[in-house]
Amino acid sequence: MNPFHLLQAAPSIAASPLVQMVPYILMFVIFYFVLLAPMRKQQKKQKELLAALKKGDRVVTSGGIHGTIAQVEDQIVWLKIADTVKIKVNRSAIAGATGEADVKELTA
């Protein structure tokens, strides 16, 4: 008996290309629902927030600066961060709305 007889590979059955693609398709579907769909939803929400900015809204920038919108232009937002201090930031730099009440409103 030949000892190499056991080491010979059994003849393989050729799988169709569609069957070979199933794992990749499943990985893409899982990737879409775990990562892409929530990211697209978050981007849509951020875009709606930036489109709805108006004077008097309390916001925070991506740099962490909290302020009240004093003026809204096309792509520029003027933020009031102190009584006499206004800064000019890009609309895209607004990270979110804070919804906080002004300190003056709390003490009045």
PDB file of N, CA and C in Angstrom:
ATOM      1  N   MET A   1       0.831  -1.172   0.000  1.00  0.00           N
ATOM      2  CA  MET A   1       0.000   0.000   0.000  1.00  0.00           C
ATOM      3  C   MET A   1       0.881   1.243   0.000  1.00  0.00           C
ATOM      4  N   ASN A   2       0.497   2.177  -0.796  1.00  0.00           N
ATOM      5  CA  ASN A   2       1.265   3.405  -0.949  1.00  0.00           C
ATOM      6  C   ASN A   2       0.923   4.358   0.198  1.00  0.00           C
ATOM      7  N   PRO A   3       1.923   4.857   0.991  1.00  0.00           N
ATOM      8  CA  PRO A   3       1.617   5.764   2.103  1.00  0.00           C
ATOM      9  C   PRO A   3       1.113   7.125   1.635  1.00  0.00           C
ATOM     10  N   PHE A   4       1.422   7.497   0.431  1.00  0.00           N
ATOM     11  CA  PHE A   4       0.966   8.790  -0.075  1.00  0.00           C
ATOM     12  C   PHE A   4      -0.456   8.731  -0.610  1.00  0.00           C
ATOM     13  N   HIS A   5      -1.018   7.561  -0.626  1.00  0.00           N
ATOM     14  CA  HIS A   5      -2.379   7.391  -1.108  1.00  0.00           C
ATOM     15  C   HIS A   5      -3.372   8.165  -0.227  1.00  0.00           C
ATOM     16  N   LEU A   6      -3.120   8.232   1.063  1.00  0.00           N
ATOM     17  CA  LEU A   6      -4.016   8.943   1.986  1.00  0.00           C
ATOM     18  C   LEU A   6      -3.890  10.460   1.861  1.00  0.00           C
ATOM     19  N   LEU A   7      -2.731  10.915   1.389  1.00  0.00           N
ATOM     20  CA  LEU A   7      -2.504  12.355   1.299  1.00  0.00           C
ATOM     21  C   LEU A   7      -3.073  12.972   0.032  1.00  0.00           C
ATOM     22  N   GLN A   8      -3.483  12.155  -0.887  1.00  0.00           N
ATOM     23  CA  GLN A   8      -4.033  12.694  -2.121  1.00  0.00           C
ATOM     24  C   GLN A   8      -5.370  13.376  -1.841  1.00  0.00           C
ATOM     25  N   ALA A   9      -5.560  14.500  -2.489  1.00  0.00           N
ATOM     26  CA  ALA A   9      -6.793  15.271  -2.283  1.00  0.00           C
ATOM     27  C   ALA A   9      -7.956  14.588  -2.984  1.00  0.00           C
ATOM     28  N   ALA A  10      -9.074  14.653  -2.337  1.00  0.00           N
ATOM     29  CA  ALA A  10     -10.288  14.120  -2.942  1.00  0.00           C
ATOM     30  C   ALA A  10     -10.717  15.078  -4.035  1.00  0.00           C
ATOM     31  N   PRO A  11     -11.326  14.587  -5.056  1.00  0.00           N
ATOM     32  CA  PRO A  11     -11.778  15.480  -6.123  1.00  0.00           C
ATOM     33  C   PRO A  11     -12.819  16.458  -5.570  1.00  0.00           C
ATOM     34  N   SER A  12     -12.607  17.737  -5.875  1.00  0.00           N
ATOM     35  CA  SER A  12     -13.523  18.753  -5.353  1.00  0.00           C
ATOM     36  C   SER A  12     -14.631  19.023  -6.358  1.00  0.00           C
ATOM     37  N   ILE A  13     -15.761  19.386  -5.808  1.00  0.00           N
ATOM     38  CA  ILE A  13     -16.907  19.726  -6.637  1.00  0.00           C
ATOM     39  C   ILE A  13     -16.851  21.235  -6.861  1.00  0.00           C
ATOM     40  N   ALA A  14     -16.893  21.660  -8.081  1.00  0.00           N
ATOM     41  CA  ALA A  14     -16.808  23.085  -8.407  1.00  0.00           C
ATOM     42  C   ALA A  14     -18.117  23.769  -8.020  1.00  0.00           C
ATOM     43  N   ALA A  15     -17.999  24.782  -7.175  1.00  0.00           N
ATOM     44  CA  ALA A  15     -19.177  25.539  -6.762  1.00  0.00           C
ATOM     45  C   ALA A  15     -19.444  26.643  -7.774  1.00  0.00           C
ATOM     46  N   SER A  16     -20.686  26.994  -7.921  1.00  0.00           N
ATOM     47  CA  SER A  16     -21.032  28.053  -8.864  1.00  0.00           C
ATOM     48  C   SER A  16     -20.514  29.392  -8.326  1.00  0.00           C
ATOM     49  N   PRO A  17     -20.246  30.348  -9.186  1.00  0.00           N
ATOM     50  CA  PRO A  17     -19.748  31.660  -8.743  1.00  0.00           C
ATOM     51  C   PRO A  17     -20.715  32.364  -7.795  1.00  0.00           C
ATOM     52  N   LEU A  18     -21.995  32.133  -7.963  1.00  0.00           N
ATOM     53  CA  LEU A  18     -22.979  32.768  -7.087  1.00  0.00           C
ATOM     54  C   LEU A  18     -22.847  32.248  -5.662  1.00  0.00           C
ATOM     55  N   VAL A  19     -22.633  30.983  -5.503  1.00  0.00           N
ATOM     56  CA  VAL A  19     -22.463  30.397  -4.169  1.00  0.00           C
ATOM     57  C   VAL A  19     -21.193  30.936  -3.515  1.00  0.00           C
ATOM     58  N   GLN A  20     -20.159  31.148  -4.305  1.00  0.00           N
ATOM     59  CA  GLN A  20     -18.917  31.696  -3.765  1.00  0.00           C
ATOM     60  C   GLN A  20     -19.074  33.149  -3.347  1.00  0.00           C
ATOM     61  N   MET A  21     -20.016  33.877  -3.925  1.00  0.00           N
ATOM     62  CA  MET A  21     -20.236  35.286  -3.604  1.00  0.00           C
ATOM     63  C   MET A  21     -21.111  35.493  -2.368  1.00  0.00           C
ATOM     64  N   VAL A  22     -21.817  34.472  -1.931  1.00  0.00           N
ATOM     65  CA  VAL A  22     -22.751  34.606  -0.804  1.00  0.00           C
ATOM     66  C   VAL A  22     -22.075  35.150   0.458  1.00  0.00           C
ATOM     67  N   PRO A  23     -20.920  34.673   0.879  1.00  0.00           N
ATOM     68  CA  PRO A  23     -20.305  35.244   2.089  1.00  0.00           C
ATOM     69  C   PRO A  23     -19.984  36.732   1.949  1.00  0.00           C
ATOM     70  N   TYR A  24     -19.535  37.147   0.765  1.00  0.00           N
ATOM     71  CA  TYR A  24     -19.227  38.561   0.550  1.00  0.00           C
ATOM     72  C   TYR A  24     -20.487  39.417   0.567  1.00  0.00           C
ATOM     73  N   ILE A  25     -21.543  38.903   0.000  1.00  0.00           N
ATOM     74  CA  ILE A  25     -22.821  39.624   0.008  1.00  0.00           C
ATOM     75  C   ILE A  25     -23.339  39.751   1.434  1.00  0.00           C
ATOM     76  N   LEU A  26     -23.251  38.689   2.211  1.00  0.00           N
ATOM     77  CA  LEU A  26     -23.681  38.746   3.610  1.00  0.00           C
ATOM     78  C   LEU A  26     -22.839  39.732   4.417  1.00  0.00           C
ATOM     79  N   MET A  27     -21.536  39.755   4.173  1.00  0.00           N
ATOM     80  CA  MET A  27     -20.676  40.715   4.884  1.00  0.00           C
ATOM     81  C   MET A  27     -21.062  42.143   4.539  1.00  0.00           C
ATOM     82  N   PHE A  28     -21.364  42.409   3.264  1.00  0.00           N
ATOM     83  CA  PHE A  28     -21.767  43.755   2.868  1.00  0.00           C
ATOM     84  C   PHE A  28     -23.087  44.156   3.507  1.00  0.00           C
ATOM     85  N   VAL A  29     -24.040  43.250   3.553  1.00  0.00           N
ATOM     86  CA  VAL A  29     -25.344  43.545   4.161  1.00  0.00           C
ATOM     87  C   VAL A  29     -25.182  43.867   5.649  1.00  0.00           C
ATOM     88  N   ILE A  30     -24.392  43.071   6.342  1.00  0.00           N
ATOM     89  CA  ILE A  30     -24.143  43.323   7.770  1.00  0.00           C
ATOM     90  C   ILE A  30     -23.421  44.653   7.944  1.00  0.00           C
ATOM     91  N   PHE A  31     -22.408  44.913   7.124  1.00  0.00           N
ATOM     92  CA  PHE A  31     -21.663  46.167   7.179  1.00  0.00           C
ATOM     93  C   PHE A  31     -22.595  47.354   6.956  1.00  0.00           C
ATOM     94  N   TYR A  32     -23.520  47.225   6.003  1.00  0.00           N
ATOM     95  CA  TYR A  32     -24.450  48.313   5.709  1.00  0.00           C
ATOM     96  C   TYR A  32     -25.334  48.623   6.915  1.00  0.00           C
ATOM     97  N   PHE A  33     -25.930  47.598   7.510  1.00  0.00           N
ATOM     98  CA  PHE A  33     -26.867  47.841   8.599  1.00  0.00           C
ATOM     99  C   PHE A  33     -26.180  48.223   9.905  1.00  0.00           C
ATOM    100  N   VAL A  34     -24.940  47.823  10.092  1.00  0.00           N
ATOM    101  CA  VAL A  34     -24.238  48.147  11.331  1.00  0.00           C
ATOM    102  C   VAL A  34     -23.544  49.503  11.252  1.00  0.00           C
ATOM    103  N   LEU A  35     -22.987  49.844  10.090  1.00  0.00           N
ATOM    104  CA  LEU A  35     -22.203  51.074   9.988  1.00  0.00           C
ATOM    105  C   LEU A  35     -22.802  52.132   9.067  1.00  0.00           C
ATOM    106  N   LEU A  36     -23.116  51.781   7.863  1.00  0.00           N
ATOM    107  CA  LEU A  36     -23.506  52.787   6.880  1.00  0.00           C
ATOM    108  C   LEU A  36     -24.874  53.403   7.134  1.00  0.00           C
ATOM    109  N   ALA A  37     -25.866  52.617   7.443  1.00  0.00           N
ATOM    110  CA  ALA A  37     -27.216  53.161   7.647  1.00  0.00           C
ATOM    111  C   ALA A  37     -27.272  54.136   8.827  1.00  0.00           C
ATOM    112  N   PRO A  38     -26.713  53.807  10.003  1.00  0.00           N
ATOM    113  CA  PRO A  38     -26.729  54.784  11.096  1.00  0.00           C
ATOM    114  C   PRO A  38     -25.926  56.048  10.778  1.00  0.00           C
ATOM    115  N   MET A  39     -24.827  55.897  10.044  1.00  0.00           N
ATOM    116  CA  MET A  39     -24.016  57.057   9.694  1.00  0.00           C
ATOM    117  C   MET A  39     -24.787  57.982   8.751  1.00  0.00           C
ATOM    118  N   ARG A  40     -25.494  57.427   7.787  1.00  0.00           N
ATOM    119  CA  ARG A  40     -26.290  58.241   6.870  1.00  0.00           C
ATOM    120  C   ARG A  40     -27.419  58.944   7.612  1.00  0.00           C
ATOM    121  N   LYS A  41     -28.031  58.262   8.574  1.00  0.00           N
ATOM    122  CA  LYS A  41     -29.101  58.863   9.373  1.00  0.00           C
ATOM    123  C   LYS A  41     -28.559  60.037  10.186  1.00  0.00           C
ATOM    124  N   GLN A  42     -27.380  59.869  10.768  1.00  0.00           N
ATOM    125  CA  GLN A  42     -26.770  60.934  11.561  1.00  0.00           C
ATOM    126  C   GLN A  42     -26.388  62.123  10.678  1.00  0.00           C
ATOM    127  N   GLN A  43     -25.869  61.872   9.483  1.00  0.00           N
ATOM    128  CA  GLN A  43     -25.526  62.949   8.560  1.00  0.00           C
ATOM    129  C   GLN A  43     -26.765  63.726   8.132  1.00  0.00           C
ATOM    130  N   LYS A  44     -27.865  63.026   7.912  1.00  0.00           N
ATOM    131  CA  LYS A  44     -29.113  63.688   7.524  1.00  0.00           C
ATOM    132  C   LYS A  44     -29.612  64.579   8.658  1.00  0.00           C
ATOM    133  N   LYS A  45     -29.530  64.087   9.893  1.00  0.00           N
ATOM    134  CA  LYS A  45     -29.957  64.867  11.050  1.00  0.00           C
ATOM    135  C   LYS A  45     -29.081  66.118  11.213  1.00  0.00           C
ATOM    136  N   GLN A  46     -27.756  65.994  11.009  1.00  0.00           N
ATOM    137  CA  GLN A  46     -26.846  67.131  11.120  1.00  0.00           C
ATOM    138  C   GLN A  46     -27.136  68.159  10.035  1.00  0.00           C
ATOM    139  N   LYS A  47     -27.415  67.694   8.824  1.00  0.00           N
ATOM    140  CA  LYS A  47     -27.732  68.603   7.720  1.00  0.00           C
ATOM    141  C   LYS A  47     -29.013  69.379   8.008  1.00  0.00           C
ATOM    142  N   GLU A  48     -30.017  68.705   8.568  1.00  0.00           N
ATOM    143  CA  GLU A  48     -31.266  69.383   8.928  1.00  0.00           C
ATOM    144  C   GLU A  48     -31.035  70.408  10.028  1.00  0.00           C
ATOM    145  N   LEU A  49     -30.183  70.083  10.998  1.00  0.00           N
ATOM    146  CA  LEU A  49     -29.864  71.013  12.078  1.00  0.00           C
ATOM    147  C   LEU A  49     -29.213  72.269  11.523  1.00  0.00           C
ATOM    148  N   LEU A  50     -28.239  72.100  10.627  1.00  0.00           N
ATOM    149  CA  LEU A  50     -27.539  73.253  10.058  1.00  0.00           C
ATOM    150  C   LEU A  50     -28.473  74.107   9.207  1.00  0.00           C
ATOM    151  N   ALA A  51     -29.417  73.488   8.526  1.00  0.00           N
ATOM    152  CA  ALA A  51     -30.352  74.242   7.696  1.00  0.00           C
ATOM    153  C   ALA A  51     -31.355  75.020   8.545  1.00  0.00           C
ATOM    154  N   ALA A  52     -31.627  74.563   9.762  1.00  0.00           N
ATOM    155  CA  ALA A  52     -32.645  75.187  10.612  1.00  0.00           C
ATOM    156  C   ALA A  52     -32.069  76.190  11.613  1.00  0.00           C
ATOM    157  N   LEU A  53     -30.780  76.522  11.510  1.00  0.00           N
ATOM    158  CA  LEU A  53     -30.192  77.470  12.462  1.00  0.00           C
ATOM    159  C   LEU A  53     -30.840  78.839  12.317  1.00  0.00           C
ATOM    160  N   LYS A  54     -31.121  79.467  13.463  1.00  0.00           N
ATOM    161  CA  LYS A  54     -31.706  80.809  13.443  1.00  0.00           C
ATOM    162  C   LYS A  54     -31.156  81.615  14.611  1.00  0.00           C
ATOM    163  N   LYS A  55     -31.358  82.904  14.545  1.00  0.00           N
ATOM    164  CA  LYS A  55     -30.877  83.816  15.575  1.00  0.00           C
ATOM    165  C   LYS A  55     -31.487  83.438  16.925  1.00  0.00           C
ATOM    166  N   GLY A  56     -30.635  83.398  17.948  1.00  0.00           N
ATOM    167  CA  GLY A  56     -31.093  83.096  19.299  1.00  0.00           C
ATOM    168  C   GLY A  56     -30.893  81.640  19.707  1.00  0.00           C
ATOM    169  N   ASP A  57     -30.575  80.762  18.778  1.00  0.00           N
ATOM    170  CA  ASP A  57     -30.333  79.347  19.116  1.00  0.00           C
ATOM    171  C   ASP A  57     -29.034  79.213  19.900  1.00  0.00           C
ATOM    172  N   ARG A  58     -29.046  78.344  20.909  1.00  0.00           N
ATOM    173  CA  ARG A  58     -27.838  78.020  21.677  1.00  0.00           C
ATOM    174  C   ARG A  58     -27.184  76.819  21.009  1.00  0.00           C
ATOM    175  N   VAL A  59     -25.903  76.958  20.645  1.00  0.00           N
ATOM    176  CA  VAL A  59     -25.202  75.898  19.932  1.00  0.00           C
ATOM    177  C   VAL A  59     -23.812  75.689  20.518  1.00  0.00           C
ATOM    178  N   VAL A  60     -23.219  74.577  20.110  1.00  0.00           N
ATOM    179  CA  VAL A  60     -21.823  74.289  20.438  1.00  0.00           C
ATOM    180  C   VAL A  60     -21.115  73.972  19.128  1.00  0.00           C
ATOM    181  N   THR A  61     -19.886  74.492  18.997  1.00  0.00           N
ATOM    182  CA  THR A  61     -19.120  74.239  17.779  1.00  0.00           C
ATOM    183  C   THR A  61     -18.352  72.934  17.911  1.00  0.00           C
ATOM    184  N   SER A  62     -17.787  72.488  16.807  1.00  0.00           N
ATOM    185  CA  SER A  62     -16.987  71.264  16.842  1.00  0.00           C
ATOM    186  C   SER A  62     -15.720  71.453  17.667  1.00  0.00           C
ATOM    187  N   GLY A  63     -15.319  72.692  17.912  1.00  0.00           N
ATOM    188  CA  GLY A  63     -14.172  72.989  18.765  1.00  0.00           C
ATOM    189  C   GLY A  63     -14.536  73.102  20.227  1.00  0.00           C
ATOM    190  N   GLY A  64     -15.814  73.002  20.552  1.00  0.00           N
ATOM    191  CA  GLY A  64     -16.258  73.029  21.939  1.00  0.00           C
ATOM    192  C   GLY A  64     -16.667  74.400  22.449  1.00  0.00           C
ATOM    193  N   ILE A  65     -16.810  75.381  21.575  1.00  0.00           N
ATOM    194  CA  ILE A  65     -17.207  76.724  21.995  1.00  0.00           C
ATOM    195  C   ILE A  65     -18.728  76.786  22.058  1.00  0.00           C
ATOM    196  N   HIS A  66     -19.250  77.192  23.207  1.00  0.00           N
ATOM    197  CA  HIS A  66     -20.696  77.348  23.395  1.00  0.00           C
ATOM    198  C   HIS A  66     -21.051  78.804  23.163  1.00  0.00           C
ATOM    199  N   GLY A  67     -22.166  79.033  22.483  1.00  0.00           N
ATOM    200  CA  GLY A  67     -22.584  80.404  22.243  1.00  0.00           C
ATOM    201  C   GLY A  67     -24.014  80.461  21.743  1.00  0.00           C
ATOM    202  N   THR A  68     -24.467  81.704  21.567  1.00  0.00           N
ATOM    203  CA  THR A  68     -25.801  81.980  21.049  1.00  0.00           C
ATOM    204  C   THR A  68     -25.649  82.593  19.669  1.00  0.00           C
ATOM    205  N   ILE A  69     -26.437  82.148  18.734  1.00  0.00           N
ATOM    206  CA  ILE A  69     -26.343  82.674  17.374  1.00  0.00           C
ATOM    207  C   ILE A  69     -26.852  84.114  17.363  1.00  0.00           C
ATOM    208  N   ALA A  70     -25.989  85.027  16.898  1.00  0.00           N
ATOM    209  CA  ALA A  70     -26.348  86.436  16.810  1.00  0.00           C
ATOM    210  C   ALA A  70     -26.803  86.802  15.401  1.00  0.00           C
ATOM    211  N   GLN A  71     -26.230  86.127  14.398  1.00  0.00           N
ATOM    212  CA  GLN A  71     -26.571  86.433  13.013  1.00  0.00           C
ATOM    213  C   GLN A  71     -26.248  85.219  12.161  1.00  0.00           C
ATOM    214  N   VAL A  72     -27.095  84.951  11.171  1.00  0.00           N
ATOM    215  CA  VAL A  72     -26.876  83.834  10.262  1.00  0.00           C
ATOM    216  C   VAL A  72     -26.773  84.377   8.845  1.00  0.00           C
ATOM    217  N   GLU A  73     -25.660  84.053   8.184  1.00  0.00           N
ATOM    218  CA  GLU A  73     -25.480  84.401   6.783  1.00  0.00           C
ATOM    219  C   GLU A  73     -25.510  83.102   5.982  1.00  0.00           C
ATOM    220  N   ASP A  74     -25.114  83.159   4.736  1.00  0.00           N
ATOM    221  CA  ASP A  74     -25.183  81.983   3.867  1.00  0.00           C
ATOM    222  C   ASP A  74     -24.381  80.815   4.444  1.00  0.00           C
ATOM    223  N   GLN A  75     -23.074  80.949   4.551  1.00  0.00           N
ATOM    224  CA  GLN A  75     -22.229  79.889   5.096  1.00  0.00           C
ATOM    225  C   GLN A  75     -21.535  80.298   6.390  1.00  0.00           C
ATOM    226  N   ILE A  76     -21.858  81.469   6.904  1.00  0.00           N
ATOM    227  CA  ILE A  76     -21.216  82.014   8.101  1.00  0.00           C
ATOM    228  C   ILE A  76     -22.253  82.200   9.197  1.00  0.00           C
ATOM    229  N   VAL A  77     -21.839  81.900  10.439  1.00  0.00           N
ATOM    230  CA  VAL A  77     -22.688  82.117  11.605  1.00  0.00           C
ATOM    231  C   VAL A  77     -21.895  82.952  12.596  1.00  0.00           C
ATOM    232  N   TRP A  78     -22.515  84.020  13.099  1.00  0.00           N
ATOM    233  CA  TRP A  78     -21.897  84.838  14.134  1.00  0.00           C
ATOM    234  C   TRP A  78     -22.396  84.337  15.481  1.00  0.00           C
ATOM    235  N   LEU A  79     -21.467  83.935  16.340  1.00  0.00           N
ATOM    236  CA  LEU A  79     -21.815  83.439  17.669  1.00  0.00           C
ATOM    237  C   LEU A  79     -21.463  84.472  18.721  1.00  0.00           C
ATOM    238  N   LYS A  80     -22.393  84.703  19.613  1.00  0.00           N
ATOM    239  CA  LYS A  80     -22.141  85.575  20.758  1.00  0.00           C
ATOM    240  C   LYS A  80     -21.719  84.657  21.905  1.00  0.00           C
ATOM    241  N   ILE A  81     -20.464  84.812  22.345  1.00  0.00           N
ATOM    242  CA  ILE A  81     -19.957  83.926  23.393  1.00  0.00           C
ATOM    243  C   ILE A  81     -19.809  84.661  24.724  1.00  0.00           C
ATOM    244  N   ALA A  82     -19.906  85.977  24.687  1.00  0.00           N
ATOM    245  CA  ALA A  82     -19.906  86.800  25.902  1.00  0.00           C
ATOM    246  C   ALA A  82     -20.686  88.072  25.572  1.00  0.00           C
ATOM    247  N   ASP A  83     -20.858  88.949  26.561  1.00  0.00           N
ATOM    248  CA  ASP A  83     -21.672  90.148  26.345  1.00  0.00           C
ATOM    249  C   ASP A  83     -21.186  90.989  25.172  1.00  0.00           C
ATOM    250  N   THR A  84     -19.881  91.170  25.051  1.00  0.00           N
ATOM    251  CA  THR A  84     -19.356  92.028  23.983  1.00  0.00           C
ATOM    252  C   THR A  84     -18.488  91.262  22.985  1.00  0.00           C
ATOM    253  N   VAL A  85     -18.541  89.949  23.020  1.00  0.00           N
ATOM    254  CA  VAL A  85     -17.676  89.153  22.155  1.00  0.00           C
ATOM    255  C   VAL A  85     -18.521  88.333  21.180  1.00  0.00           C
ATOM    256  N   LYS A  86     -18.272  88.561  19.885  1.00  0.00           N
ATOM    257  CA  LYS A  86     -18.902  87.765  18.832  1.00  0.00           C
ATOM    258  C   LYS A  86     -17.798  87.172  17.975  1.00  0.00           C
ATOM    259  N   ILE A  87     -17.983  85.923  17.601  1.00  0.00           N
ATOM    260  CA  ILE A  87     -17.010  85.286  16.717  1.00  0.00           C
ATOM    261  C   ILE A  87     -17.718  84.804  15.465  1.00  0.00           C
ATOM    262  N   LYS A  88     -16.943  84.718  14.398  1.00  0.00           N
ATOM    263  CA  LYS A  88     -17.462  84.307  13.096  1.00  0.00           C
ATOM    264  C   LYS A  88     -16.983  82.880  12.842  1.00  0.00           C
ATOM    265  N   VAL A  89     -17.929  81.964  12.620  1.00  0.00           N
ATOM    266  CA  VAL A  89     -17.579  80.568  12.352  1.00  0.00           C
ATOM    267  C   VAL A  89     -18.331  80.089  11.120  1.00  0.00           C
ATOM    268  N   ASN A  90     -17.789  79.072  10.482  1.00  0.00           N
ATOM    269  CA  ASN A  90     -18.499  78.448   9.365  1.00  0.00           C
ATOM    270  C   ASN A  90     -19.722  77.717   9.895  1.00  0.00           C
ATOM    271  N   ARG A  91     -20.737  77.682   9.089  1.00  0.00           N
ATOM    272  CA  ARG A  91     -21.958  76.966   9.469  1.00  0.00           C
ATOM    273  C   ARG A  91     -21.649  75.488   9.722  1.00  0.00           C
ATOM    274  N   SER A  92     -20.732  74.924   8.951  1.00  0.00           N
ATOM    275  CA  SER A  92     -20.388  73.512   9.112  1.00  0.00           C
ATOM    276  C   SER A  92     -19.651  73.224  10.417  1.00  0.00           C
ATOM    277  N   ALA A  93     -19.171  74.254  11.109  1.00  0.00           N
ATOM    278  CA  ALA A  93     -18.468  74.061  12.383  1.00  0.00           C
ATOM    279  C   ALA A  93     -19.433  73.871  13.548  1.00  0.00           C
ATOM    280  N   ILE A  94     -20.719  74.075  13.319  1.00  0.00           N
ATOM    281  CA  ILE A  94     -21.706  73.881  14.379  1.00  0.00           C
ATOM    282  C   ILE A  94     -21.916  72.379  14.560  1.00  0.00           C
ATOM    283  N   ALA A  95     -21.634  71.897  15.770  1.00  0.00           N
ATOM    284  CA  ALA A  95     -21.745  70.459  16.051  1.00  0.00           C
ATOM    285  C   ALA A  95     -23.137  70.080  16.523  1.00  0.00           C
ATOM    286  N   GLY A  96     -23.804  70.994  17.224  1.00  0.00           N
ATOM    287  CA  GLY A  96     -25.134  70.656  17.703  1.00  0.00           C
ATOM    288  C   GLY A  96     -25.747  71.784  18.504  1.00  0.00           C
ATOM    289  N   ALA A  97     -27.014  71.621  18.813  1.00  0.00           N
ATOM    290  CA  ALA A  97     -27.740  72.581  19.636  1.00  0.00           C
ATOM    291  C   ALA A  97     -27.638  72.128  21.087  1.00  0.00           C
ATOM    292  N   THR A  98     -27.472  73.101  21.997  1.00  0.00           N
ATOM    293  CA  THR A  98     -27.341  72.742  23.405  1.00  0.00           C
ATOM    294  C   THR A  98     -28.672  72.806  24.126  1.00  0.00           C
ATOM    295  N   GLY A  99     -29.539  73.729  23.736  1.00  0.00           N
ATOM    296  CA  GLY A  99     -30.836  73.833  24.379  1.00  0.00           C
ATOM    297  C   GLY A  99     -30.776  74.395  25.792  1.00  0.00           C
ATOM    298  N   GLU A 100     -29.627  74.945  26.181  1.00  0.00           N
ATOM    299  CA  GLU A 100     -29.492  75.523  27.520  1.00  0.00           C
ATOM    300  C   GLU A 100     -30.166  76.888  27.565  1.00  0.00           C
ATOM    301  N   ALA A 101     -30.647  77.254  28.716  1.00  0.00           N
ATOM    302  CA  ALA A 101     -31.167  78.602  28.909  1.00  0.00           C
ATOM    303  C   ALA A 101     -30.012  79.525  29.263  1.00  0.00           C
ATOM    304  N   ASP A 102     -30.133  80.786  28.866  1.00  0.00           N
ATOM    305  CA  ASP A 102     -29.085  81.756  29.212  1.00  0.00           C
ATOM    306  C   ASP A 102     -29.017  81.933  30.717  1.00  0.00           C
ATOM    307  N   VAL A 103     -27.852  82.294  31.218  1.00  0.00           N
ATOM    308  CA  VAL A 103     -27.672  82.533  32.649  1.00  0.00           C
ATOM    309  C   VAL A 103     -28.549  83.695  33.085  1.00  0.00           C
ATOM    310  N   LYS A 104     -28.699  84.714  32.230  1.00  0.00           N
ATOM    311  CA  LYS A 104     -29.529  85.868  32.560  1.00  0.00           C
ATOM    312  C   LYS A 104     -30.979  85.428  32.782  1.00  0.00           C
ATOM    313  N   GLU A 105     -31.457  84.481  31.997  1.00  0.00           N
ATOM    314  CA  GLU A 105     -32.818  84.008  32.120  1.00  0.00           C
ATOM    315  C   GLU A 105     -33.004  83.254  33.444  1.00  0.00           C
ATOM    316  N   LEU A 106     -31.965  82.560  33.899  1.00  0.00           N
ATOM    317  CA  LEU A 106     -32.055  81.803  35.131  1.00  0.00           C
ATOM    318  C   LEU A 106     -32.072  82.695  36.364  1.00  0.00           C
ATOM    319  N   THR A 107     -31.331  83.803  36.290  1.00  0.00           N
ATOM    320  CA  THR A 107     -31.246  84.682  37.446  1.00  0.00           C
ATOM    321  C   THR A 107     -32.381  85.686  37.493  1.00  0.00           C
ATOM    322  N   ALA A 108     -33.071  85.896  36.407  1.00  0.00           N
ATOM    323  CA  ALA A 108     -34.157  86.881  36.375  1.00  0.00           C
ATOM    324  C   ALA A 108     -35.421  86.349  37.000  1.00  0.00           C
TER     325      ALA A 108
END
